[in-house]
Amino acid sequence: MVIVKDSIINAGHYDTTLSGFYQGMLLCKNCEGIQRTILFSGDDHFKMEELELGKNMPAKRIEGTWEKEKGNYEANWGGKSGEDNGVQFSPSGEFLEYAMAIPPSELPASVTSYIKGHYKGQSIKEAAKVTDAKGALTYEAEIKGKELIFDAKGNFLKENMGD
């Protein structure tokens, strides 16, 4: 994804705040590309528009909140918690990853087997499918204050402490 930041509007704020306008293109299997435009406001809210190029459909419009997480910026939207989906950017505007919440039942069987074997009696609170800037897919499963990361085939990679 290529990100273009509107430097005229935000001159002088580039390194200290995410506020401003960003635009980028995502690859798409079923269209010519997805143009994503995001406007981050200084009050921790954003508005995003996604347009699937080559399709005669209106743009999807999404609103949500953003926060600074581990030195990067994360925009969240959807679901009851408002955080069912999220996208992360570096302070320079580089796209890092997109996370989409999924039901735990949609995790690969090897993920649930691993958790049953290594975290006996604990249930999966939340699950997500994560795609990074290079298109690599991973899965996240949250259990009791921990975030477990698995590769695309469901092999365990690492454990992070929850936020």
N, C-alpha and C. Protein backbone atom coordinates (compact mmCIF):
# COMPACT_ATOMS: atom_id res chain seq x y z
N MET A 1 0.85 -1.18 0.00
CA MET A 1 0.00 0.00 0.00
C MET A 1 0.88 1.22 0.00
N VAL A 2 0.63 2.13 -0.87
CA VAL A 2 1.36 3.39 -0.94
C VAL A 2 0.54 4.45 -0.24
N ILE A 3 1.14 5.18 0.67
CA ILE A 3 0.42 6.21 1.42
C ILE A 3 0.93 7.57 0.98
N VAL A 4 0.02 8.48 0.73
CA VAL A 4 0.37 9.85 0.41
C VAL A 4 -0.23 10.72 1.49
N LYS A 5 0.59 11.50 2.17
CA LYS A 5 0.11 12.38 3.23
C LYS A 5 0.04 13.80 2.71
N ASP A 6 -1.05 14.50 3.02
CA ASP A 6 -1.22 15.88 2.61
C ASP A 6 -0.31 16.76 3.46
N SER A 7 0.85 17.11 2.93
CA SER A 7 1.84 17.86 3.72
C SER A 7 1.54 19.34 3.80
N ILE A 8 0.70 19.87 2.91
CA ILE A 8 0.39 21.30 2.95
C ILE A 8 -0.46 21.61 4.18
N ILE A 9 -1.50 20.81 4.40
CA ILE A 9 -2.40 21.05 5.53
C ILE A 9 -1.68 20.84 6.86
N ASN A 10 -0.78 19.88 6.90
CA ASN A 10 -0.21 19.45 8.17
C ASN A 10 1.26 19.81 8.36
N ALA A 11 1.77 20.76 7.62
CA ALA A 11 3.17 21.14 7.74
C ALA A 11 3.48 21.48 9.20
N GLY A 12 4.57 20.94 9.71
CA GLY A 12 4.97 21.20 11.08
C GLY A 12 4.43 20.22 12.09
N HIS A 13 3.47 19.39 11.71
CA HIS A 13 2.88 18.44 12.63
C HIS A 13 3.21 17.00 12.27
N TYR A 14 3.96 16.79 11.23
CA TYR A 14 4.18 15.46 10.65
C TYR A 14 4.73 14.44 11.63
N ASP A 15 5.70 14.83 12.45
CA ASP A 15 6.34 13.87 13.34
C ASP A 15 5.66 13.72 14.69
N THR A 16 4.76 14.64 15.04
CA THR A 16 4.21 14.62 16.39
C THR A 16 2.75 14.19 16.48
N THR A 17 2.02 14.29 15.39
CA THR A 17 0.61 13.93 15.44
C THR A 17 0.18 13.26 14.15
N LEU A 18 -0.80 12.42 14.25
CA LEU A 18 -1.31 11.72 13.09
C LEU A 18 -2.34 12.54 12.35
N SER A 19 -2.83 13.62 12.95
CA SER A 19 -3.89 14.41 12.34
C SER A 19 -3.56 14.74 10.90
N GLY A 20 -4.53 14.58 10.03
CA GLY A 20 -4.33 14.91 8.64
C GLY A 20 -4.96 13.89 7.70
N PHE A 21 -4.67 14.07 6.45
CA PHE A 21 -5.26 13.32 5.36
C PHE A 21 -4.24 12.34 4.80
N TYR A 22 -4.63 11.08 4.65
CA TYR A 22 -3.77 10.05 4.08
C TYR A 22 -4.55 9.33 2.99
N GLN A 23 -3.84 8.90 1.96
CA GLN A 23 -4.50 8.15 0.90
C GLN A 23 -3.55 7.08 0.40
N GLY A 24 -4.09 5.90 0.10
CA GLY A 24 -3.26 4.81 -0.40
C GLY A 24 -4.07 3.84 -1.23
N MET A 25 -3.36 2.94 -1.90
CA MET A 25 -3.98 1.93 -2.75
C MET A 25 -3.66 0.54 -2.19
N LEU A 26 -4.67 -0.30 -2.13
CA LEU A 26 -4.51 -1.69 -1.72
C LEU A 26 -4.72 -2.57 -2.95
N LEU A 27 -4.01 -3.69 -3.00
CA LEU A 27 -4.23 -4.67 -4.05
C LEU A 27 -5.59 -5.31 -3.85
N CYS A 28 -6.22 -5.74 -4.94
CA CYS A 28 -7.55 -6.34 -4.86
C CYS A 28 -7.66 -7.47 -5.89
N LYS A 29 -8.13 -8.64 -5.45
CA LYS A 29 -8.29 -9.78 -6.37
C LYS A 29 -9.49 -9.60 -7.29
N ASN A 30 -10.52 -8.90 -6.82
CA ASN A 30 -11.77 -8.80 -7.56
C ASN A 30 -12.03 -7.43 -8.17
N CYS A 31 -11.02 -6.55 -8.14
CA CYS A 31 -11.19 -5.21 -8.71
C CYS A 31 -9.81 -4.69 -9.13
N GLU A 32 -9.79 -3.46 -9.63
CA GLU A 32 -8.54 -2.87 -10.12
C GLU A 32 -7.67 -2.32 -8.98
N GLY A 33 -8.20 -2.28 -7.81
CA GLY A 33 -7.49 -1.76 -6.64
C GLY A 33 -8.48 -1.10 -5.70
N ILE A 34 -8.09 -0.98 -4.45
CA ILE A 34 -8.94 -0.32 -3.47
C ILE A 34 -8.24 0.97 -3.05
N GLN A 35 -8.89 2.08 -3.33
CA GLN A 35 -8.36 3.39 -2.92
C GLN A 35 -8.91 3.68 -1.53
N ARG A 36 -8.01 3.83 -0.57
CA ARG A 36 -8.42 4.11 0.81
C ARG A 36 -7.98 5.52 1.17
N THR A 37 -8.91 6.33 1.60
CA THR A 37 -8.64 7.70 2.01
C THR A 37 -9.06 7.84 3.47
N ILE A 38 -8.16 8.36 4.31
CA ILE A 38 -8.45 8.50 5.73
C ILE A 38 -8.14 9.93 6.17
N LEU A 39 -9.06 10.50 6.95
CA LEU A 39 -8.84 11.80 7.56
C LEU A 39 -8.84 11.60 9.06
N PHE A 40 -7.68 11.80 9.68
CA PHE A 40 -7.54 11.68 11.13
C PHE A 40 -7.70 13.06 11.74
N SER A 41 -8.55 13.19 12.75
CA SER A 41 -8.72 14.47 13.42
C SER A 41 -7.92 14.48 14.72
N GLY A 42 -7.70 15.66 15.26
CA GLY A 42 -6.93 15.79 16.49
C GLY A 42 -7.66 15.32 17.72
N ASP A 43 -8.97 15.00 17.60
CA ASP A 43 -9.74 14.56 18.76
C ASP A 43 -9.86 13.04 18.83
N ASP A 44 -8.91 12.32 18.24
CA ASP A 44 -8.84 10.86 18.27
C ASP A 44 -9.96 10.17 17.49
N HIS A 45 -10.51 10.83 16.48
CA HIS A 45 -11.51 10.24 15.60
C HIS A 45 -11.02 10.28 14.17
N PHE A 46 -11.59 9.44 13.32
CA PHE A 46 -11.22 9.45 11.91
C PHE A 46 -12.44 9.16 11.05
N LYS A 47 -12.33 9.52 9.79
CA LYS A 47 -13.31 9.16 8.77
C LYS A 47 -12.52 8.50 7.65
N MET A 48 -13.04 7.37 7.15
CA MET A 48 -12.33 6.64 6.11
C MET A 48 -13.31 6.33 4.97
N GLU A 49 -12.78 6.38 3.76
CA GLU A 49 -13.56 6.02 2.59
C GLU A 49 -12.77 5.01 1.78
N GLU A 50 -13.43 3.92 1.38
CA GLU A 50 -12.81 2.89 0.55
C GLU A 50 -13.59 2.80 -0.76
N LEU A 51 -12.88 2.91 -1.87
CA LEU A 51 -13.50 2.83 -3.18
C LEU A 51 -12.84 1.70 -3.97
N GLU A 52 -13.64 0.72 -4.38
CA GLU A 52 -13.14 -0.39 -5.19
C GLU A 52 -13.16 0.07 -6.65
N LEU A 53 -11.96 0.28 -7.21
CA LEU A 53 -11.85 0.79 -8.56
C LEU A 53 -12.26 -0.26 -9.58
N GLY A 54 -12.95 0.18 -10.64
CA GLY A 54 -13.39 -0.72 -11.68
C GLY A 54 -14.74 -1.35 -11.40
N LYS A 55 -15.32 -1.04 -10.27
CA LYS A 55 -16.65 -1.54 -9.93
C LYS A 55 -17.59 -0.34 -9.88
N ASN A 56 -18.78 -0.54 -10.28
CA ASN A 56 -19.76 0.54 -10.28
C ASN A 56 -20.53 0.52 -8.96
N MET A 57 -19.79 0.76 -7.87
CA MET A 57 -20.39 0.72 -6.54
C MET A 57 -19.98 1.97 -5.78
N PRO A 58 -20.83 2.45 -4.88
CA PRO A 58 -20.45 3.62 -4.09
C PRO A 58 -19.34 3.28 -3.10
N ALA A 59 -18.61 4.29 -2.70
CA ALA A 59 -17.54 4.10 -1.73
C ALA A 59 -18.12 3.70 -0.37
N LYS A 60 -17.37 2.87 0.37
CA LYS A 60 -17.75 2.53 1.74
C LYS A 60 -17.23 3.64 2.65
N ARG A 61 -18.05 4.10 3.55
CA ARG A 61 -17.65 5.15 4.48
C ARG A 61 -17.67 4.59 5.90
N ILE A 62 -16.59 4.83 6.61
CA ILE A 62 -16.41 4.28 7.95
C ILE A 62 -15.91 5.39 8.87
N GLU A 63 -16.41 5.41 10.09
CA GLU A 63 -15.91 6.34 11.11
C GLU A 63 -15.50 5.53 12.33
N GLY A 64 -14.52 6.04 13.06
CA GLY A 64 -14.06 5.34 14.25
C GLY A 64 -13.11 6.19 15.06
N THR A 65 -12.35 5.53 15.90
CA THR A 65 -11.39 6.21 16.78
C THR A 65 -9.98 5.75 16.45
N TRP A 66 -8.99 6.54 16.86
CA TRP A 66 -7.60 6.13 16.69
C TRP A 66 -6.85 6.41 17.98
N GLU A 67 -5.75 5.67 18.14
CA GLU A 67 -4.92 5.80 19.34
C GLU A 67 -3.47 5.49 18.98
N LYS A 68 -2.58 5.95 19.83
CA LYS A 68 -1.17 5.62 19.65
C LYS A 68 -0.91 4.32 20.40
N GLU A 69 -0.33 3.35 19.70
CA GLU A 69 -0.07 2.04 20.30
C GLU A 69 1.33 1.58 19.93
N LYS A 70 2.16 1.35 20.92
CA LYS A 70 3.53 0.87 20.71
C LYS A 70 4.28 1.75 19.71
N GLY A 71 4.09 3.07 19.81
CA GLY A 71 4.80 4.01 18.96
C GLY A 71 4.18 4.21 17.58
N ASN A 72 3.16 3.43 17.25
CA ASN A 72 2.47 3.55 15.97
C ASN A 72 1.05 4.06 16.21
N TYR A 73 0.34 4.29 15.13
CA TYR A 73 -1.03 4.77 15.21
C TYR A 73 -1.98 3.69 14.74
N GLU A 74 -3.05 3.48 15.51
CA GLU A 74 -4.01 2.45 15.19
C GLU A 74 -5.41 3.05 15.12
N ALA A 75 -6.08 2.83 14.00
CA ALA A 75 -7.46 3.25 13.82
C ALA A 75 -8.35 2.04 14.00
N ASN A 76 -9.44 2.19 14.77
CA ASN A 76 -10.34 1.08 15.08
C ASN A 76 -11.78 1.44 14.74
N TRP A 77 -12.54 0.44 14.27
CA TRP A 77 -13.95 0.67 13.97
C TRP A 77 -14.70 -0.64 13.94
N GLY A 78 -16.02 -0.54 14.08
CA GLY A 78 -16.92 -1.68 13.92
C GLY A 78 -17.16 -2.47 15.18
N GLY A 79 -18.27 -3.19 15.19
CA GLY A 79 -18.62 -4.07 16.30
C GLY A 79 -19.09 -3.32 17.53
N LYS A 80 -19.48 -4.07 18.55
CA LYS A 80 -19.97 -3.49 19.80
C LYS A 80 -18.91 -2.68 20.51
N SER A 81 -17.67 -3.14 20.48
CA SER A 81 -16.58 -2.45 21.18
C SER A 81 -16.01 -1.31 20.37
N GLY A 82 -16.35 -1.24 19.08
CA GLY A 82 -15.77 -0.22 18.20
C GLY A 82 -14.37 -0.59 17.75
N GLU A 83 -13.95 -1.83 18.06
CA GLU A 83 -12.59 -2.25 17.72
C GLU A 83 -12.55 -3.58 16.98
N ASP A 84 -13.61 -3.91 16.24
CA ASP A 84 -13.62 -5.18 15.52
C ASP A 84 -12.66 -5.19 14.34
N ASN A 85 -12.34 -4.01 13.83
CA ASN A 85 -11.39 -3.89 12.73
C ASN A 85 -10.38 -2.82 13.10
N GLY A 86 -9.17 -2.97 12.60
CA GLY A 86 -8.15 -1.97 12.89
C GLY A 86 -7.08 -1.94 11.82
N VAL A 87 -6.50 -0.77 11.66
CA VAL A 87 -5.41 -0.59 10.71
C VAL A 87 -4.32 0.20 11.44
N GLN A 88 -3.05 -0.21 11.25
CA GLN A 88 -1.93 0.46 11.91
C GLN A 88 -1.03 1.14 10.89
N PHE A 89 -0.56 2.34 11.28
CA PHE A 89 0.38 3.12 10.49
C PHE A 89 1.55 3.52 11.36
N SER A 90 2.72 3.66 10.76
CA SER A 90 3.89 4.17 11.47
C SER A 90 3.73 5.69 11.60
N PRO A 91 4.55 6.35 12.43
CA PRO A 91 4.46 7.81 12.55
C PRO A 91 4.70 8.54 11.22
N SER A 92 5.41 7.91 10.28
CA SER A 92 5.65 8.55 8.98
C SER A 92 4.53 8.27 7.97
N GLY A 93 3.49 7.52 8.40
CA GLY A 93 2.35 7.25 7.53
C GLY A 93 2.44 5.94 6.78
N GLU A 94 3.46 5.13 7.04
CA GLU A 94 3.61 3.84 6.36
C GLU A 94 2.58 2.84 6.88
N PHE A 95 1.85 2.21 5.97
CA PHE A 95 0.89 1.18 6.34
C PHE A 95 1.63 -0.01 6.94
N LEU A 96 1.17 -0.51 8.10
CA LEU A 96 1.82 -1.64 8.75
C LEU A 96 0.97 -2.91 8.70
N GLU A 97 -0.31 -2.80 9.11
CA GLU A 97 -1.15 -3.99 9.10
C GLU A 97 -2.63 -3.63 9.19
N TYR A 98 -3.44 -4.59 8.76
CA TYR A 98 -4.89 -4.49 8.85
C TYR A 98 -5.37 -5.71 9.61
N ALA A 99 -6.19 -5.51 10.64
CA ALA A 99 -6.73 -6.62 11.43
C ALA A 99 -8.25 -6.62 11.33
N MET A 100 -8.81 -7.80 11.10
CA MET A 100 -10.25 -7.96 11.01
C MET A 100 -10.68 -9.01 12.03
N ALA A 101 -11.60 -8.62 12.90
CA ALA A 101 -12.10 -9.56 13.90
C ALA A 101 -12.84 -10.70 13.21
N ILE A 102 -12.63 -11.89 13.72
CA ILE A 102 -13.34 -13.08 13.23
C ILE A 102 -13.85 -13.85 14.45
N PRO A 103 -14.90 -14.65 14.28
CA PRO A 103 -15.32 -15.50 15.39
C PRO A 103 -14.21 -16.52 15.68
N PRO A 104 -13.98 -16.86 16.94
CA PRO A 104 -12.95 -17.87 17.25
C PRO A 104 -13.13 -19.17 16.48
N SER A 105 -14.35 -19.49 16.13
CA SER A 105 -14.62 -20.72 15.37
C SER A 105 -14.02 -20.70 13.97
N GLU A 106 -13.64 -19.51 13.46
CA GLU A 106 -13.03 -19.40 12.14
C GLU A 106 -11.50 -19.49 12.16
N LEU A 107 -10.92 -19.65 13.35
CA LEU A 107 -9.48 -19.85 13.44
C LEU A 107 -9.14 -21.24 12.90
N PRO A 108 -7.94 -21.41 12.33
CA PRO A 108 -7.55 -22.76 11.89
C PRO A 108 -7.63 -23.74 13.06
N ALA A 109 -7.97 -24.99 12.76
CA ALA A 109 -8.11 -26.02 13.80
C ALA A 109 -6.83 -26.16 14.62
N SER A 110 -5.67 -25.97 13.98
CA SER A 110 -4.41 -26.12 14.72
C SER A 110 -4.24 -25.04 15.79
N VAL A 111 -4.86 -23.88 15.60
CA VAL A 111 -4.80 -22.81 16.61
C VAL A 111 -5.58 -23.25 17.85
N THR A 112 -6.81 -23.70 17.66
CA THR A 112 -7.61 -24.12 18.81
C THR A 112 -6.99 -25.34 19.51
N SER A 113 -6.41 -26.24 18.74
CA SER A 113 -5.73 -27.40 19.34
C SER A 113 -4.54 -26.96 20.19
N TYR A 114 -3.76 -26.01 19.67
CA TYR A 114 -2.60 -25.51 20.41
C TYR A 114 -3.05 -24.87 21.73
N ILE A 115 -4.08 -24.05 21.66
CA ILE A 115 -4.56 -23.36 22.86
C ILE A 115 -5.09 -24.36 23.88
N LYS A 116 -5.85 -25.36 23.44
CA LYS A 116 -6.36 -26.38 24.35
C LYS A 116 -5.22 -27.15 25.02
N GLY A 117 -4.15 -27.40 24.28
CA GLY A 117 -3.03 -28.16 24.82
C GLY A 117 -2.10 -27.35 25.71
N HIS A 118 -1.94 -26.05 25.43
CA HIS A 118 -0.98 -25.22 26.17
C HIS A 118 -1.61 -24.25 27.16
N TYR A 119 -2.89 -24.01 27.05
CA TYR A 119 -3.59 -23.07 27.93
C TYR A 119 -4.88 -23.73 28.40
N LYS A 120 -4.73 -24.85 29.07
CA LYS A 120 -5.86 -25.66 29.49
C LYS A 120 -6.89 -24.84 30.28
N GLY A 121 -8.16 -25.04 29.93
CA GLY A 121 -9.25 -24.39 30.65
C GLY A 121 -9.50 -22.94 30.28
N GLN A 122 -8.69 -22.38 29.38
CA GLN A 122 -8.88 -20.99 29.00
C GLN A 122 -9.58 -20.92 27.65
N SER A 123 -10.46 -19.94 27.54
CA SER A 123 -11.20 -19.81 26.28
C SER A 123 -10.71 -18.58 25.51
N ILE A 124 -10.93 -18.60 24.24
CA ILE A 124 -10.52 -17.50 23.37
C ILE A 124 -11.55 -16.38 23.49
N LYS A 125 -11.11 -15.19 23.94
CA LYS A 125 -12.01 -14.05 24.10
C LYS A 125 -12.26 -13.36 22.77
N GLU A 126 -11.19 -13.17 22.00
CA GLU A 126 -11.29 -12.49 20.71
C GLU A 126 -10.33 -13.15 19.74
N ALA A 127 -10.65 -13.03 18.46
CA ALA A 127 -9.78 -13.58 17.41
C ALA A 127 -9.74 -12.59 16.25
N ALA A 128 -8.63 -12.60 15.52
CA ALA A 128 -8.50 -11.70 14.37
C ALA A 128 -7.63 -12.34 13.30
N LYS A 129 -7.91 -11.91 12.07
CA LYS A 129 -7.12 -12.26 10.90
C LYS A 129 -6.34 -10.99 10.57
N VAL A 130 -5.00 -11.07 10.51
CA VAL A 130 -4.16 -9.89 10.33
C VAL A 130 -3.35 -10.03 9.04
N THR A 131 -3.37 -8.97 8.23
CA THR A 131 -2.59 -8.93 7.00
C THR A 131 -1.62 -7.76 7.10
N ASP A 132 -0.32 -8.04 6.92
CA ASP A 132 0.67 -6.96 7.02
C ASP A 132 0.88 -6.30 5.66
N ALA A 133 1.78 -5.32 5.62
CA ALA A 133 2.02 -4.52 4.41
C ALA A 133 2.52 -5.36 3.24
N LYS A 134 3.13 -6.49 3.52
CA LYS A 134 3.64 -7.37 2.45
C LYS A 134 2.61 -8.41 2.02
N GLY A 135 1.44 -8.38 2.67
CA GLY A 135 0.39 -9.33 2.33
C GLY A 135 0.44 -10.63 3.12
N ALA A 136 1.37 -10.72 4.09
CA ALA A 136 1.48 -11.93 4.91
C ALA A 136 0.32 -12.01 5.90
N LEU A 137 -0.28 -13.18 6.01
CA LEU A 137 -1.42 -13.41 6.88
C LEU A 137 -0.98 -14.07 8.17
N THR A 138 -1.50 -13.56 9.29
CA THR A 138 -1.33 -14.21 10.59
C THR A 138 -2.68 -14.19 11.30
N TYR A 139 -2.77 -14.98 12.36
CA TYR A 139 -3.97 -15.01 13.19
C TYR A 139 -3.59 -14.61 14.60
N GLU A 140 -4.51 -13.91 15.26
CA GLU A 140 -4.33 -13.54 16.67
C GLU A 140 -5.48 -14.15 17.47
N ALA A 141 -5.15 -14.65 18.63
CA ALA A 141 -6.16 -15.17 19.54
C ALA A 141 -5.87 -14.59 20.92
N GLU A 142 -6.86 -13.96 21.52
CA GLU A 142 -6.67 -13.36 22.84
C GLU A 142 -7.26 -14.26 23.91
N ILE A 143 -6.41 -14.56 24.89
CA ILE A 143 -6.86 -15.34 26.04
C ILE A 143 -6.32 -14.70 27.30
N LYS A 144 -7.14 -14.48 28.26
CA LYS A 144 -6.78 -14.00 29.61
C LYS A 144 -5.53 -13.10 29.63
N GLY A 145 -5.63 -11.92 29.00
CA GLY A 145 -4.55 -10.94 29.06
C GLY A 145 -3.37 -11.22 28.15
N LYS A 146 -3.47 -12.22 27.30
CA LYS A 146 -2.38 -12.56 26.40
C LYS A 146 -2.89 -12.59 24.97
N GLU A 147 -2.01 -12.20 24.06
CA GLU A 147 -2.32 -12.24 22.64
C GLU A 147 -1.38 -13.28 22.02
N LEU A 148 -1.97 -14.33 21.46
CA LEU A 148 -1.19 -15.40 20.84
C LEU A 148 -1.20 -15.19 19.33
N ILE A 149 -0.03 -15.28 18.71
CA ILE A 149 0.12 -15.04 17.28
C ILE A 149 0.47 -16.36 16.58
N PHE A 150 -0.23 -16.62 15.46
CA PHE A 150 -0.04 -17.83 14.67
C PHE A 150 0.15 -17.46 13.21
N ASP A 151 0.90 -18.28 12.48
CA ASP A 151 1.08 -18.01 11.04
C ASP A 151 -0.17 -18.42 10.27
N ALA A 152 -0.12 -18.26 8.95
CA ALA A 152 -1.28 -18.52 8.09
C ALA A 152 -1.76 -19.97 8.16
N LYS A 153 -0.87 -20.89 8.52
CA LYS A 153 -1.24 -22.30 8.62
C LYS A 153 -1.68 -22.68 10.03
N GLY A 154 -1.62 -21.71 10.96
CA GLY A 154 -2.03 -21.98 12.32
C GLY A 154 -0.92 -22.44 13.23
N ASN A 155 0.34 -22.30 12.81
CA ASN A 155 1.47 -22.65 13.66
C ASN A 155 1.78 -21.52 14.63
N PHE A 156 2.00 -21.86 15.90
CA PHE A 156 2.28 -20.86 16.94
C PHE A 156 3.57 -20.11 16.62
N LEU A 157 3.52 -18.77 16.74
CA LEU A 157 4.71 -17.93 16.53
C LEU A 157 5.21 -17.31 17.81
N LYS A 158 4.29 -16.62 18.55
CA LYS A 158 4.73 -15.95 19.78
C LYS A 158 3.54 -15.57 20.64
N GLU A 159 3.86 -15.17 21.87
CA GLU A 159 2.89 -14.71 22.84
C GLU A 159 3.24 -13.29 23.24
N ASN A 160 2.26 -12.40 23.19
CA ASN A 160 2.44 -11.02 23.65
C ASN A 160 1.51 -10.78 24.83
N MET A 161 1.95 -9.92 25.74
CA MET A 161 1.07 -9.50 26.81
C MET A 161 0.04 -8.55 26.23
N GLY A 162 -1.23 -8.66 26.68
CA GLY A 162 -2.30 -7.80 26.17
C GLY A 162 -2.05 -6.35 26.51
N ASP A 163 -2.77 -5.47 25.78
CA ASP A 163 -2.61 -4.04 26.00
C ASP A 163 -3.36 -3.57 27.21
